């Protein structure tokens, strides 16, 4: 069989304009029994931004950054989404028509878990089945939650946000002969560092490496950024109140904090999206303002040169030309093929 001929970026998708919002949300919530009122409430978050999700622009920017980085590898670039145009099945059909027989897939999620990994594998299989004979073989690149090309850019982004916070909050003086603990030291009681990721039901978390993977990214990022005090929080839960989800919720933590500044690094996400904009930039920021605190959010890292280089390294691993399977911490690199049966629905 021929070698790999393409790389397809696989993401969640989002609406581009107001009249796409409700069809998009109905696709996302199909079969989940979400009340109509809840769907309409979420739709308003998109309407407040003119109807467009930031995720599509982020994916386009990532593709633009990948083109020169992947130059010389002989891979055509494609893009397909789970829930919005370009839909993955349409992209796979285009790949077939272009003569692609084998491709690699980069998923915009660094972590294991059903929604963050297994469901994307299912999406790829469903798209191949919809296309039928001639659909290309597609192999997903490995998880990268502990790759230096993921952790390093987040540490840099966190340091930038901390710099902003320390400019806004008076610096606690260090007594003569005392120790300066690095970026987290100035006004340690005045700056609270939070790492956030999308919450999932506890029933799903019990059969998933997702919480452990997110925790490891947070630990590695804090260590690299020189931050000694931090908390992991969760956001964007969508289930009924009777169903327990991972917590604590980011807004509840911001409301209960006594810090003068809150710095949040949304390490659960590769690209900007509505969850980041609404749950952090709007709701969590408002909660901070309500008690007179400053709020700073670290930027996502999808177009960081270090992240883009990481994608090339992951591709080279699968092409057999990569020298080192890079990983930080004790876990080591995730295998190319996820364990059979991991992360059940």
C-alpha atoms as a PDB file:
ATOM      1  CA  UNK A   1       0.000   0.000   0.000  1.00  0.00           C
ATOM      2  CA  UNK A   2       1.129   3.570  -0.700  1.00  0.00           C
ATOM      3  CA  UNK A   3       2.504   5.746   2.102  1.00  0.00           C
ATOM      4  CA  UNK A   4       0.597   8.555   3.735  1.00  0.00           C
ATOM      5  CA  UNK A   5      -0.488  11.229   1.282  1.00  0.00           C
ATOM      6  CA  UNK A   6      -2.414  13.676   3.457  1.00  0.00           C
ATOM      7  CA  UNK A   7      -3.005  15.127   6.910  1.00  0.00           C
ATOM      8  CA  UNK A   8      -6.578  15.970   7.904  1.00  0.00           C
ATOM      9  CA  UNK A   9      -7.317  18.337  10.761  1.00  0.00           C
ATOM     10  CA  UNK A  10     -10.330  16.988  12.652  1.00  0.00           C
ATOM     11  CA  UNK A  11     -12.140  19.358  15.005  1.00  0.00           C
ATOM     12  CA  UNK A  12     -15.452  19.952  16.756  1.00  0.00           C
ATOM     13  CA  UNK A  13     -16.797  22.567  14.381  1.00  0.00           C
ATOM     14  CA  UNK A  14     -19.025  25.575  14.930  1.00  0.00           C
ATOM     15  CA  UNK A  15     -21.407  27.970  13.182  1.00  0.00           C
ATOM     16  CA  UNK A  16     -20.119  30.723  10.915  1.00  0.00           C
ATOM     17  CA  UNK A  17     -23.217  32.963  11.069  1.00  0.00           C
ATOM     18  CA  UNK A  18     -26.467  33.415  12.968  1.00  0.00           C
ATOM     19  CA  UNK A  19     -28.686  31.209  10.786  1.00  0.00           C
ATOM     20  CA  UNK A  20     -26.275  28.296  11.304  1.00  0.00           C
ATOM     21  CA  UNK A  21     -26.442  28.413  15.112  1.00  0.00           C
ATOM     22  CA  UNK A  22     -29.585  26.365  15.773  1.00  0.00           C
ATOM     23  CA  UNK A  23     -28.821  23.680  13.122  1.00  0.00           C
ATOM     24  CA  UNK A  24     -25.355  23.369  14.647  1.00  0.00           C
ATOM     25  CA  UNK A  25     -26.665  23.038  18.201  1.00  0.00           C
ATOM     26  CA  UNK A  26     -29.315  20.528  17.163  1.00  0.00           C
ATOM     27  CA  UNK A  27     -26.599  18.423  15.595  1.00  0.00           C
ATOM     28  CA  UNK A  28     -24.475  18.645  18.745  1.00  0.00           C
ATOM     29  CA  UNK A  29     -27.370  17.736  21.062  1.00  0.00           C
ATOM     30  CA  UNK A  30     -29.098  15.126  18.870  1.00  0.00           C
ATOM     31  CA  UNK A  31     -30.300  12.166  20.929  1.00  0.00           C
ATOM     32  CA  UNK A  32     -29.215  13.659  24.256  1.00  0.00           C
ATOM     33  CA  UNK A  33     -32.591  14.867  25.496  1.00  0.00           C
ATOM     34  CA  UNK A  34     -31.456  18.460  26.062  1.00  0.00           C
ATOM     35  CA  UNK A  35     -34.472  20.720  26.808  1.00  0.00           C
ATOM     36  CA  UNK A  36     -35.320  23.227  24.067  1.00  0.00           C
ATOM     37  CA  UNK A  37     -34.970  26.109  26.502  1.00  0.00           C
ATOM     38  CA  UNK A  38     -31.393  25.101  27.292  1.00  0.00           C
ATOM     39  CA  UNK A  39     -30.512  24.929  23.585  1.00  0.00           C
ATOM     40  CA  UNK A  40     -31.975  28.385  22.986  1.00  0.00           C
ATOM     41  CA  UNK A  41     -30.045  29.770  25.951  1.00  0.00           C
ATOM     42  CA  UNK A  42     -26.769  28.436  24.560  1.00  0.00           C
ATOM     43  CA  UNK A  43     -27.687  29.788  21.115  1.00  0.00           C
ATOM     44  CA  UNK A  44     -27.789  33.275  22.602  1.00  0.00           C
ATOM     45  CA  UNK A  45     -24.104  32.964  23.481  1.00  0.00           C
ATOM     46  CA  UNK A  46     -23.392  32.666  19.750  1.00  0.00           C
ATOM     47  CA  UNK A  47     -25.816  35.423  18.770  1.00  0.00           C
ATOM     48  CA  UNK A  48     -24.030  37.750  21.188  1.00  0.00           C
ATOM     49  CA  UNK A  49     -20.909  37.254  19.026  1.00  0.00           C
ATOM     50  CA  UNK A  50     -22.757  37.721  15.749  1.00  0.00           C
ATOM     51  CA  UNK A  51     -23.409  33.992  15.314  1.00  0.00           C
ATOM     52  CA  UNK A  52     -19.848  32.837  14.611  1.00  0.00           C
ATOM     53  CA  UNK A  53     -17.795  30.532  16.811  1.00  0.00           C
ATOM     54  CA  UNK A  54     -14.113  31.426  17.150  1.00  0.00           C
ATOM     55  CA  UNK A  55     -13.124  27.795  16.575  1.00  0.00           C
ATOM     56  CA  UNK A  56     -13.337  27.912  12.774  1.00  0.00           C
ATOM     57  CA  UNK A  57     -11.031  30.913  12.475  1.00  0.00           C
ATOM     58  CA  UNK A  58      -8.634  29.164  14.868  1.00  0.00           C
ATOM     59  CA  UNK A  59      -8.627  26.045  12.684  1.00  0.00           C
ATOM     60  CA  UNK A  60      -7.952  28.102   9.561  1.00  0.00           C
ATOM     61  CA  UNK A  61      -5.059  29.830  11.311  1.00  0.00           C
ATOM     62  CA  UNK A  62      -3.658  26.468  12.389  1.00  0.00           C
ATOM     63  CA  UNK A  63      -3.873  25.125   8.839  1.00  0.00           C
ATOM     64  CA  UNK A  64      -2.106  28.223   7.530  1.00  0.00           C
ATOM     65  CA  UNK A  65       0.680  27.703  10.077  1.00  0.00           C
ATOM     66  CA  UNK A  66       0.977  24.001   9.248  1.00  0.00           C
ATOM     67  CA  UNK A  67       1.441  24.450   5.486  1.00  0.00           C
ATOM     68  CA  UNK A  68       4.992  25.813   5.602  1.00  0.00           C
ATOM     69  CA  UNK A  69       5.887  23.634   8.616  1.00  0.00           C
ATOM     70  CA  UNK A  70       4.947  20.426   6.776  1.00  0.00           C
ATOM     71  CA  UNK A  71       6.649  21.486   3.552  1.00  0.00           C
ATOM     72  CA  UNK A  72       8.733  18.692   2.110  1.00  0.00           C
ATOM     73  CA  UNK A  73       6.714  15.846   3.639  1.00  0.00           C
ATOM     74  CA  UNK A  74       4.502  15.451   0.575  1.00  0.00           C
ATOM     75  CA  UNK A  75       1.226  15.682   2.521  1.00  0.00           C
ATOM     76  CA  UNK A  76      -1.878  17.452   1.279  1.00  0.00           C
ATOM     77  CA  UNK A  77      -3.795  19.278   4.026  1.00  0.00           C
ATOM     78  CA  UNK A  78      -7.526  18.839   4.664  1.00  0.00           C
ATOM     79  CA  UNK A  79      -9.990  19.913   7.350  1.00  0.00           C
ATOM     80  CA  UNK A  80     -13.178  18.225   8.560  1.00  0.00           C
ATOM     81  CA  UNK A  81     -15.436  18.747  11.588  1.00  0.00           C
ATOM     82  CA  UNK A  82     -17.717  16.679  13.782  1.00  0.00           C
ATOM     83  CA  UNK A  83     -20.578  19.172  13.929  1.00  0.00           C
ATOM     84  CA  UNK A  84     -20.124  21.968  11.402  1.00  0.00           C
ATOM     85  CA  UNK A  85     -18.951  22.725   7.888  1.00  0.00           C
ATOM     86  CA  UNK A  86     -16.745  21.397   6.509  1.00  0.00           C
ATOM     87  CA  UNK A  87     -18.247  18.156   7.816  1.00  0.00           C
ATOM     88  CA  UNK A  88     -15.790  15.303   8.092  1.00  0.00           C
ATOM     89  CA  UNK A  89     -17.753  12.993   5.761  1.00  0.00           C
ATOM     90  CA  UNK A  90     -17.646  15.646   3.027  1.00  0.00           C
ATOM     91  CA  UNK A  91     -13.908  16.085   3.561  1.00  0.00           C
ATOM     92  CA  UNK A  92     -13.283  12.333   3.393  1.00  0.00           C
ATOM     93  CA  UNK A  93     -15.266  12.191   0.145  1.00  0.00           C
ATOM     94  CA  UNK A  94     -13.097  14.983  -1.262  1.00  0.00           C
ATOM     95  CA  UNK A  95      -9.956  13.127  -0.190  1.00  0.00           C
ATOM     96  CA  UNK A  96     -11.184  10.005  -1.998  1.00  0.00           C
ATOM     97  CA  UNK A  97     -11.941  12.031  -5.132  1.00  0.00           C
ATOM     98  CA  UNK A  98      -8.446  13.545  -4.948  1.00  0.00           C
ATOM     99  CA  UNK A  99      -6.917  10.084  -4.953  1.00  0.00           C
ATOM    100  CA  UNK A 100      -5.871   9.964  -1.300  1.00  0.00           C
ATOM    101  CA  UNK A 101      -5.710   6.369  -0.062  1.00  0.00           C
ATOM    102  CA  UNK A 102      -3.951   6.825   3.303  1.00  0.00           C
ATOM    103  CA  UNK A 103      -3.965   9.840   5.596  1.00  0.00           C
ATOM    104  CA  UNK A 104      -3.040  10.926   9.090  1.00  0.00           C
ATOM    105  CA  UNK A 105      -5.454  12.808  11.354  1.00  0.00           C
ATOM    106  CA  UNK A 106      -4.618  15.579  13.810  1.00  0.00           C
ATOM    107  CA  UNK A 107      -7.426  15.970  16.347  1.00  0.00           C
ATOM    108  CA  UNK A 108      -7.841  19.243  18.249  1.00  0.00           C
ATOM    109  CA  UNK A 109      -7.754  17.493  21.622  1.00  0.00           C
ATOM    110  CA  UNK A 110      -4.631  16.528  23.528  1.00  0.00           C
ATOM    111  CA  UNK A 111      -6.263  14.084  25.942  1.00  0.00           C
ATOM    112  CA  UNK A 112      -7.667  10.607  26.277  1.00  0.00           C
ATOM    113  CA  UNK A 113     -11.351  10.197  27.035  1.00  0.00           C
ATOM    114  CA  UNK A 114     -14.511   9.379  25.136  1.00  0.00           C
ATOM    115  CA  UNK A 115     -15.424  12.865  23.889  1.00  0.00           C
ATOM    116  CA  UNK A 116     -11.813  13.947  23.492  1.00  0.00           C
ATOM    117  CA  UNK A 117     -10.436  10.847  21.757  1.00  0.00           C
ATOM    118  CA  UNK A 118     -12.652   7.801  21.234  1.00  0.00           C
ATOM    119  CA  UNK A 119     -15.523   9.792  19.745  1.00  0.00           C
ATOM    120  CA  UNK A 120     -13.167  11.284  17.163  1.00  0.00           C
ATOM    121  CA  UNK A 121     -12.122   7.780  16.166  1.00  0.00           C
ATOM    122  CA  UNK A 122     -15.823   6.948  15.835  1.00  0.00           C
ATOM    123  CA  UNK A 123     -16.331  10.106  13.756  1.00  0.00           C
ATOM    124  CA  UNK A 124     -13.595   9.017  11.381  1.00  0.00           C
ATOM    125  CA  UNK A 125     -15.098   5.537  11.057  1.00  0.00           C
ATOM    126  CA  UNK A 126     -18.581   6.983  10.461  1.00  0.00           C
ATOM    127  CA  UNK A 127     -17.255   9.318   7.775  1.00  0.00           C
ATOM    128  CA  UNK A 128     -15.469   6.451   6.045  1.00  0.00           C
ATOM    129  CA  UNK A 129     -18.655   4.355   6.156  1.00  0.00           C
ATOM    130  CA  UNK A 130     -20.695   7.240   4.719  1.00  0.00           C
ATOM    131  CA  UNK A 131     -18.242   7.655   1.838  1.00  0.00           C
ATOM    132  CA  UNK A 132     -18.149   3.923   1.177  1.00  0.00           C
ATOM    133  CA  UNK A 133     -15.781   2.151  -1.228  1.00  0.00           C
ATOM    134  CA  UNK A 134     -12.599   4.069  -1.877  1.00  0.00           C
ATOM    135  CA  UNK A 135     -12.677   6.000   1.402  1.00  0.00           C
ATOM    136  CA  UNK A 136      -9.095   6.556   2.530  1.00  0.00           C
ATOM    137  CA  UNK A 137      -7.546   4.786   5.488  1.00  0.00           C
ATOM    138  CA  UNK A 138      -7.103   7.414   8.221  1.00  0.00           C
ATOM    139  CA  UNK A 139      -4.791   6.976  11.221  1.00  0.00           C
ATOM    140  CA  UNK A 140      -5.097   9.359  14.171  1.00  0.00           C
ATOM    141  CA  UNK A 141      -1.889  10.867  15.558  1.00  0.00           C
ATOM    142  CA  UNK A 142      -1.154   9.951  19.178  1.00  0.00           C
ATOM    143  CA  UNK A 143      -2.280  11.912  22.224  1.00  0.00           C
ATOM    144  CA  UNK A 144       0.050  14.772  23.084  1.00  0.00           C
ATOM    145  CA  UNK A 145      -1.026  15.921  26.567  1.00  0.00           C
ATOM    146  CA  UNK A 146       2.539  15.534  27.896  1.00  0.00           C
ATOM    147  CA  UNK A 147       4.451  16.487  24.752  1.00  0.00           C
ATOM    148  CA  UNK A 148       6.882  19.392  25.245  1.00  0.00           C
ATOM    149  CA  UNK A 149       5.334  21.032  22.182  1.00  0.00           C
ATOM    150  CA  UNK A 150       2.016  21.197  24.066  1.00  0.00           C
ATOM    151  CA  UNK A 151       3.221  21.891  27.601  1.00  0.00           C
ATOM    152  CA  UNK A 152       5.883  24.428  26.625  1.00  0.00           C
ATOM    153  CA  UNK A 153       3.574  26.839  24.759  1.00  0.00           C
ATOM    154  CA  UNK A 154       1.045  26.681  27.603  1.00  0.00           C
ATOM    155  CA  UNK A 155       3.759  27.514  30.115  1.00  0.00           C
ATOM    156  CA  UNK A 156       4.783  30.505  27.991  1.00  0.00           C
ATOM    157  CA  UNK A 157       1.178  31.642  27.642  1.00  0.00           C
ATOM    158  CA  UNK A 158       0.659  31.311  31.388  1.00  0.00           C
ATOM    159  CA  UNK A 159       3.788  33.350  32.112  1.00  0.00           C
ATOM    160  CA  UNK A 160       2.518  36.113  29.814  1.00  0.00           C
ATOM    161  CA  UNK A 161      -0.821  36.191  31.634  1.00  0.00           C
ATOM    162  CA  UNK A 162       0.976  36.245  34.992  1.00  0.00           C
ATOM    163  CA  UNK A 163       3.072  39.185  33.832  1.00  0.00           C
ATOM    164  CA  UNK A 164      -0.161  41.078  33.135  1.00  0.00           C
ATOM    165  CA  UNK A 165      -1.536  40.134  36.530  1.00  0.00           C
ATOM    166  CA  UNK A 166       1.596  41.212  38.372  1.00  0.00           C
ATOM    167  CA  UNK A 167       1.467  44.581  36.642  1.00  0.00           C
ATOM    168  CA  UNK A 168      -2.092  45.034  37.880  1.00  0.00           C
ATOM    169  CA  UNK A 169      -1.519  43.790  41.459  1.00  0.00           C
ATOM    170  CA  UNK A 170       0.941  45.448  43.869  1.00  0.00           C
ATOM    171  CA  UNK A 171       3.983  43.237  44.359  1.00  0.00           C
ATOM    172  CA  UNK A 172       4.529  41.825  47.817  1.00  0.00           C
ATOM    173  CA  UNK A 173       8.017  42.855  48.871  1.00  0.00           C
ATOM    174  CA  UNK A 174      10.547  40.112  49.587  1.00  0.00           C
ATOM    175  CA  UNK A 175      12.279  40.603  52.950  1.00  0.00           C
ATOM    176  CA  UNK A 176      16.076  40.869  53.002  1.00  0.00           C
ATOM    177  CA  UNK A 177      17.560  37.428  52.638  1.00  0.00           C
ATOM    178  CA  UNK A 178      14.141  36.032  51.711  1.00  0.00           C
ATOM    179  CA  UNK A 179      13.363  33.817  48.763  1.00  0.00           C
ATOM    180  CA  UNK A 180      11.648  34.918  45.577  1.00  0.00           C
ATOM    181  CA  UNK A 181       9.662  31.915  44.369  1.00  0.00           C
ATOM    182  CA  UNK A 182       9.545  32.985  40.724  1.00  0.00           C
ATOM    183  CA  UNK A 183       6.551  34.005  38.622  1.00  0.00           C
ATOM    184  CA  UNK A 184       4.056  32.955  41.282  1.00  0.00           C
ATOM    185  CA  UNK A 185       5.800  34.813  44.114  1.00  0.00           C
ATOM    186  CA  UNK A 186       4.805  38.492  43.780  1.00  0.00           C
ATOM    187  CA  UNK A 187       1.711  38.989  45.897  1.00  0.00           C
ATOM    188  CA  UNK A 188       1.202  35.227  46.158  1.00  0.00           C
ATOM    189  CA  UNK A 189      -2.020  35.790  48.090  1.00  0.00           C
ATOM    190  CA  UNK A 190      -3.131  38.281  45.426  1.00  0.00           C
ATOM    191  CA  UNK A 191      -2.754  36.131  42.274  1.00  0.00           C
ATOM    192  CA  UNK A 192      -4.553  32.791  41.989  1.00  0.00           C
ATOM    193  CA  UNK A 193      -3.631  30.472  39.112  1.00  0.00           C
ATOM    194  CA  UNK A 194      -6.319  28.162  37.739  1.00  0.00           C
ATOM    195  CA  UNK A 195      -6.041  25.543  35.011  1.00  0.00           C
ATOM    196  CA  UNK A 196      -9.385  24.809  33.369  1.00  0.00           C
ATOM    197  CA  UNK A 197     -10.755  22.050  31.162  1.00  0.00           C
ATOM    198  CA  UNK A 198     -14.176  20.905  29.958  1.00  0.00           C
ATOM    199  CA  UNK A 199     -16.002  18.963  32.651  1.00  0.00           C
ATOM    200  CA  UNK A 200     -17.402  15.481  32.006  1.00  0.00           C
ATOM    201  CA  UNK A 201     -19.826  13.279  33.974  1.00  0.00           C
ATOM    202  CA  UNK A 202     -18.238  11.388  36.850  1.00  0.00           C
ATOM    203  CA  UNK A 203     -19.575   8.169  35.338  1.00  0.00           C
ATOM    204  CA  UNK A 204     -17.466   8.855  32.253  1.00  0.00           C
ATOM    205  CA  UNK A 205     -14.462  10.022  34.261  1.00  0.00           C
ATOM    206  CA  UNK A 206     -14.305   6.695  36.115  1.00  0.00           C
ATOM    207  CA  UNK A 207     -13.584   4.807  32.878  1.00  0.00           C
ATOM    208  CA  UNK A 208     -11.385   7.436  31.266  1.00  0.00           C
ATOM    209  CA  UNK A 209      -7.800   8.715  31.567  1.00  0.00           C
ATOM    210  CA  UNK A 210      -9.101  12.233  30.857  1.00  0.00           C
ATOM    211  CA  UNK A 211      -8.901  13.664  34.421  1.00  0.00           C
ATOM    212  CA  UNK A 212      -5.434  12.209  34.938  1.00  0.00           C
ATOM    213  CA  UNK A 213      -4.185  13.510  31.586  1.00  0.00           C
ATOM    214  CA  UNK A 214      -5.480  17.037  32.239  1.00  0.00           C
ATOM    215  CA  UNK A 215      -3.987  16.994  35.732  1.00  0.00           C
ATOM    216  CA  UNK A 216      -0.625  15.938  34.338  1.00  0.00           C
ATOM    217  CA  UNK A 217      -0.635  18.749  31.779  1.00  0.00           C
ATOM    218  CA  UNK A 218      -1.445  21.231  34.546  1.00  0.00           C
ATOM    219  CA  UNK A 219       1.340  19.866  36.755  1.00  0.00           C
ATOM    220  CA  UNK A 220       3.914  19.938  33.973  1.00  0.00           C
ATOM    221  CA  UNK A 221       2.868  23.407  32.841  1.00  0.00           C
ATOM    222  CA  UNK A 222       3.008  24.832  36.370  1.00  0.00           C
ATOM    223  CA  UNK A 223       6.419  23.263  36.905  1.00  0.00           C
ATOM    224  CA  UNK A 224       7.788  24.704  33.664  1.00  0.00           C
ATOM    225  CA  UNK A 225       6.289  28.137  34.362  1.00  0.00           C
ATOM    226  CA  UNK A 226       7.690  28.182  37.897  1.00  0.00           C
ATOM    227  CA  UNK A 227       4.236  28.318  39.505  1.00  0.00           C
ATOM    228  CA  UNK A 228       4.094  26.584  42.882  1.00  0.00           C
ATOM    229  CA  UNK A 229       0.474  27.213  43.868  1.00  0.00           C
ATOM    230  CA  UNK A 230      -2.370  26.402  41.476  1.00  0.00           C
ATOM    231  CA  UNK A 231      -5.745  24.679  41.216  1.00  0.00           C
ATOM    232  CA  UNK A 232      -7.419  22.572  38.546  1.00  0.00           C
ATOM    233  CA  UNK A 233     -11.005  23.630  37.814  1.00  0.00           C
ATOM    234  CA  UNK A 234     -13.655  22.490  35.354  1.00  0.00           C
ATOM    235  CA  UNK A 235     -16.055  24.343  33.103  1.00  0.00           C
ATOM    236  CA  UNK A 236     -18.858  24.046  30.547  1.00  0.00           C
ATOM    237  CA  UNK A 237     -20.859  21.243  32.175  1.00  0.00           C
ATOM    238  CA  UNK A 238     -24.109  20.641  30.291  1.00  0.00           C
ATOM    239  CA  UNK A 239     -25.832  17.766  32.099  1.00  0.00           C
ATOM    240  CA  UNK A 240     -28.841  17.921  34.446  1.00  0.00           C
ATOM    241  CA  UNK A 241     -28.158  19.001  38.053  1.00  0.00           C
ATOM    242  CA  UNK A 242     -28.986  15.470  39.226  1.00  0.00           C
ATOM    243  CA  UNK A 243     -26.024  14.055  37.289  1.00  0.00           C
ATOM    244  CA  UNK A 244     -22.654  14.604  39.043  1.00  0.00           C
ATOM    245  CA  UNK A 245     -19.847  16.041  36.898  1.00  0.00           C
ATOM    246  CA  UNK A 246     -16.205  16.805  37.557  1.00  0.00           C
ATOM    247  CA  UNK A 247     -15.721  19.842  39.768  1.00  0.00           C
ATOM    248  CA  UNK A 248     -15.085  22.340  41.145  1.00  0.00           C
ATOM    249  CA  UNK A 249     -16.627  24.682  38.591  1.00  0.00           C
ATOM    250  CA  UNK A 250     -14.438  27.592  37.535  1.00  0.00           C
ATOM    251  CA  UNK A 251     -17.032  30.249  38.301  1.00  0.00           C
ATOM    252  CA  UNK A 252     -17.626  28.896  41.811  1.00  0.00           C
ATOM    253  CA  UNK A 253     -13.878  28.967  42.489  1.00  0.00           C
ATOM    254  CA  UNK A 254     -13.551  32.533  41.193  1.00  0.00           C
ATOM    255  CA  UNK A 255     -16.475  33.642  43.362  1.00  0.00           C
ATOM    256  CA  UNK A 256     -14.985  32.024  46.480  1.00  0.00           C
ATOM    257  CA  UNK A 257     -11.416  33.222  45.896  1.00  0.00           C
ATOM    258  CA  UNK A 258      -9.935  36.031  47.972  1.00  0.00           C
ATOM    259  CA  UNK A 259      -7.200  36.822  45.439  1.00  0.00           C
ATOM    260  CA  UNK A 260      -6.967  40.259  43.872  1.00  0.00           C
ATOM    261  CA  UNK A 261      -6.252  38.708  40.473  1.00  0.00           C
ATOM    262  CA  UNK A 262      -7.327  35.460  38.846  1.00  0.00           C
ATOM    263  CA  UNK A 263      -5.252  33.919  36.034  1.00  0.00           C
ATOM    264  CA  UNK A 264      -6.890  31.087  34.096  1.00  0.00           C
ATOM    265  CA  UNK A 265      -5.104  28.838  31.589  1.00  0.00           C
ATOM    266  CA  UNK A 266      -7.712  26.842  29.585  1.00  0.00           C
ATOM    267  CA  UNK A 267      -5.447  23.861  28.980  1.00  0.00           C
ATOM    268  CA  UNK A 268      -8.398  21.648  28.086  1.00  0.00           C
ATOM    269  CA  UNK A 269      -8.679  23.300  24.684  1.00  0.00           C
ATOM    270  CA  UNK A 270      -6.421  23.540  21.636  1.00  0.00           C
ATOM    271  CA  UNK A 271      -8.303  26.348  19.862  1.00  0.00           C
ATOM    272  CA  UNK A 272     -10.422  29.288  20.937  1.00  0.00           C
ATOM    273  CA  UNK A 273     -14.080  28.292  21.074  1.00  0.00           C
ATOM    274  CA  UNK A 274     -17.408  29.355  22.551  1.00  0.00           C
ATOM    275  CA  UNK A 275     -16.768  27.540  25.820  1.00  0.00           C
ATOM    276  CA  UNK A 276     -13.668  29.644  26.409  1.00  0.00           C
ATOM    277  CA  UNK A 277     -15.304  32.891  25.319  1.00  0.00           C
ATOM    278  CA  UNK A 278     -18.534  32.524  27.275  1.00  0.00           C
ATOM    279  CA  UNK A 279     -17.570  30.486  30.328  1.00  0.00           C
ATOM    280  CA  UNK A 280     -14.255  32.230  30.949  1.00  0.00           C
ATOM    281  CA  UNK A 281     -14.068  35.578  29.161  1.00  0.00           C
ATOM    282  CA  UNK A 282     -17.694  36.441  29.995  1.00  0.00           C
ATOM    283  CA  UNK A 283     -18.958  34.540  33.054  1.00  0.00           C
ATOM    284  CA  UNK A 284     -15.776  33.896  35.052  1.00  0.00           C
ATOM    285  CA  UNK A 285     -14.478  37.391  34.280  1.00  0.00           C
ATOM    286  CA  UNK A 286     -17.800  38.875  35.437  1.00  0.00           C
ATOM    287  CA  UNK A 287     -17.614  36.850  38.660  1.00  0.00           C
ATOM    288  CA  UNK A 288     -14.150  38.293  39.308  1.00  0.00           C
ATOM    289  CA  UNK A 289     -15.313  41.863  38.627  1.00  0.00           C
ATOM    290  CA  UNK A 290     -18.304  41.446  40.930  1.00  0.00           C
ATOM    291  CA  UNK A 291     -15.955  41.073  43.882  1.00  0.00           C
ATOM    292  CA  UNK A 292     -13.485  43.688  42.629  1.00  0.00           C
ATOM    293  CA  UNK A 293     -10.819  41.309  41.315  1.00  0.00           C
ATOM    294  CA  UNK A 294      -8.850  41.382  38.071  1.00  0.00           C
ATOM    295  CA  UNK A 295      -9.245  38.535  35.583  1.00  0.00           C
ATOM    296  CA  UNK A 296      -6.640  37.363  33.093  1.00  0.00           C
ATOM    297  CA  UNK A 297      -6.928  34.479  30.657  1.00  0.00           C
ATOM    298  CA  UNK A 298      -3.935  32.776  29.025  1.00  0.00           C
ATOM    299  CA  UNK A 299      -4.192  32.573  25.239  1.00  0.00           C
ATOM    300  CA  UNK A 300      -4.669  29.225  23.533  1.00  0.00           C
ATOM    301  CA  UNK A 301      -1.612  27.832  21.785  1.00  0.00           C
ATOM    302  CA  UNK A 302      -2.780  26.326  18.481  1.00  0.00           C
ATOM    303  CA  UNK A 303      -0.670  28.645  16.336  1.00  0.00           C
ATOM    304  CA  UNK A 304       2.348  28.781  18.633  1.00  0.00           C
ATOM    305  CA  UNK A 305       5.443  27.906  16.577  1.00  0.00           C
ATOM    306  CA  UNK A 306       6.361  25.286  19.184  1.00  0.00           C
ATOM    307  CA  UNK A 307       2.935  23.635  18.904  1.00  0.00           C
ATOM    308  CA  UNK A 308       3.079  23.674  15.114  1.00  0.00           C
ATOM    309  CA  UNK A 309       6.536  22.079  15.225  1.00  0.00           C
ATOM    310  CA  UNK A 310       5.088  19.433  17.536  1.00  0.00           C
ATOM    311  CA  UNK A 311       2.561  18.501  14.845  1.00  0.00           C
ATOM    312  CA  UNK A 312       5.394  17.935  12.389  1.00  0.00           C
ATOM    313  CA  UNK A 313       7.189  15.803  14.975  1.00  0.00           C
ATOM    314  CA  UNK A 314       4.074  13.669  15.502  1.00  0.00           C
ATOM    315  CA  UNK A 315       3.727  13.264  11.747  1.00  0.00           C
ATOM    316  CA  UNK A 316       7.388  12.303  11.387  1.00  0.00           C
ATOM    317  CA  UNK A 317       6.924   9.659  14.079  1.00  0.00           C
ATOM    318  CA  UNK A 318       4.275   7.987  11.932  1.00  0.00           C
ATOM    319  CA  UNK A 319       6.299   8.407   8.759  1.00  0.00           C
ATOM    320  CA  UNK A 320       9.183   6.638  10.462  1.00  0.00           C
ATOM    321  CA  UNK A 321      11.526   9.605  10.187  1.00  0.00           C
ATOM    322  CA  UNK A 322      11.254  10.924  13.730  1.00  0.00           C
ATOM    323  CA  UNK A 323      14.236  10.195  15.974  1.00  0.00           C
ATOM    324  CA  UNK A 324      12.584  10.714  19.381  1.00  0.00           C
ATOM    325  CA  UNK A 325       9.045  10.181  20.674  1.00  0.00           C
ATOM    326  CA  UNK A 326       9.082  13.214  22.934  1.00  0.00           C
ATOM    327  CA  UNK A 327       7.208  13.279  26.224  1.00  0.00           C
ATOM    328  CA  UNK A 328       7.575  14.948  29.619  1.00  0.00           C
ATOM    329  CA  UNK A 329       6.951  13.394  33.006  1.00  0.00           C
ATOM    330  CA  UNK A 330       6.696   9.771  34.102  1.00  0.00           C
ATOM    331  CA  UNK A 331       3.922   8.642  31.728  1.00  0.00           C
ATOM    332  CA  UNK A 332       6.067   8.525  28.609  1.00  0.00           C
ATOM    333  CA  UNK A 333       4.641   8.930  25.095  1.00  0.00           C
ATOM    334  CA  UNK A 334       1.136   7.666  24.391  1.00  0.00           C
ATOM    335  CA  UNK A 335       1.076   4.731  21.925  1.00  0.00           C
ATOM    336  CA  UNK A 336       0.124   5.305  18.303  1.00  0.00           C
ATOM    337  CA  UNK A 337      -2.888   3.009  18.692  1.00  0.00           C
ATOM    338  CA  UNK A 338      -5.113   3.574  21.710  1.00  0.00           C
ATOM    339  CA  UNK A 339      -5.789   0.463  23.832  1.00  0.00           C
ATOM    340  CA  UNK A 340      -8.698  -1.610  22.570  1.00  0.00           C
ATOM    341  CA  UNK A 341     -11.927  -0.725  24.351  1.00  0.00           C
ATOM    342  CA  UNK A 342     -10.561   2.293  26.178  1.00  0.00           C
ATOM    343  CA  UNK A 343     -12.863   5.208  27.025  1.00  0.00           C
ATOM    344  CA  UNK A 344     -16.291   3.610  26.486  1.00  0.00           C
ATOM    345  CA  UNK A 345     -19.271   5.915  25.882  1.00  0.00           C
END
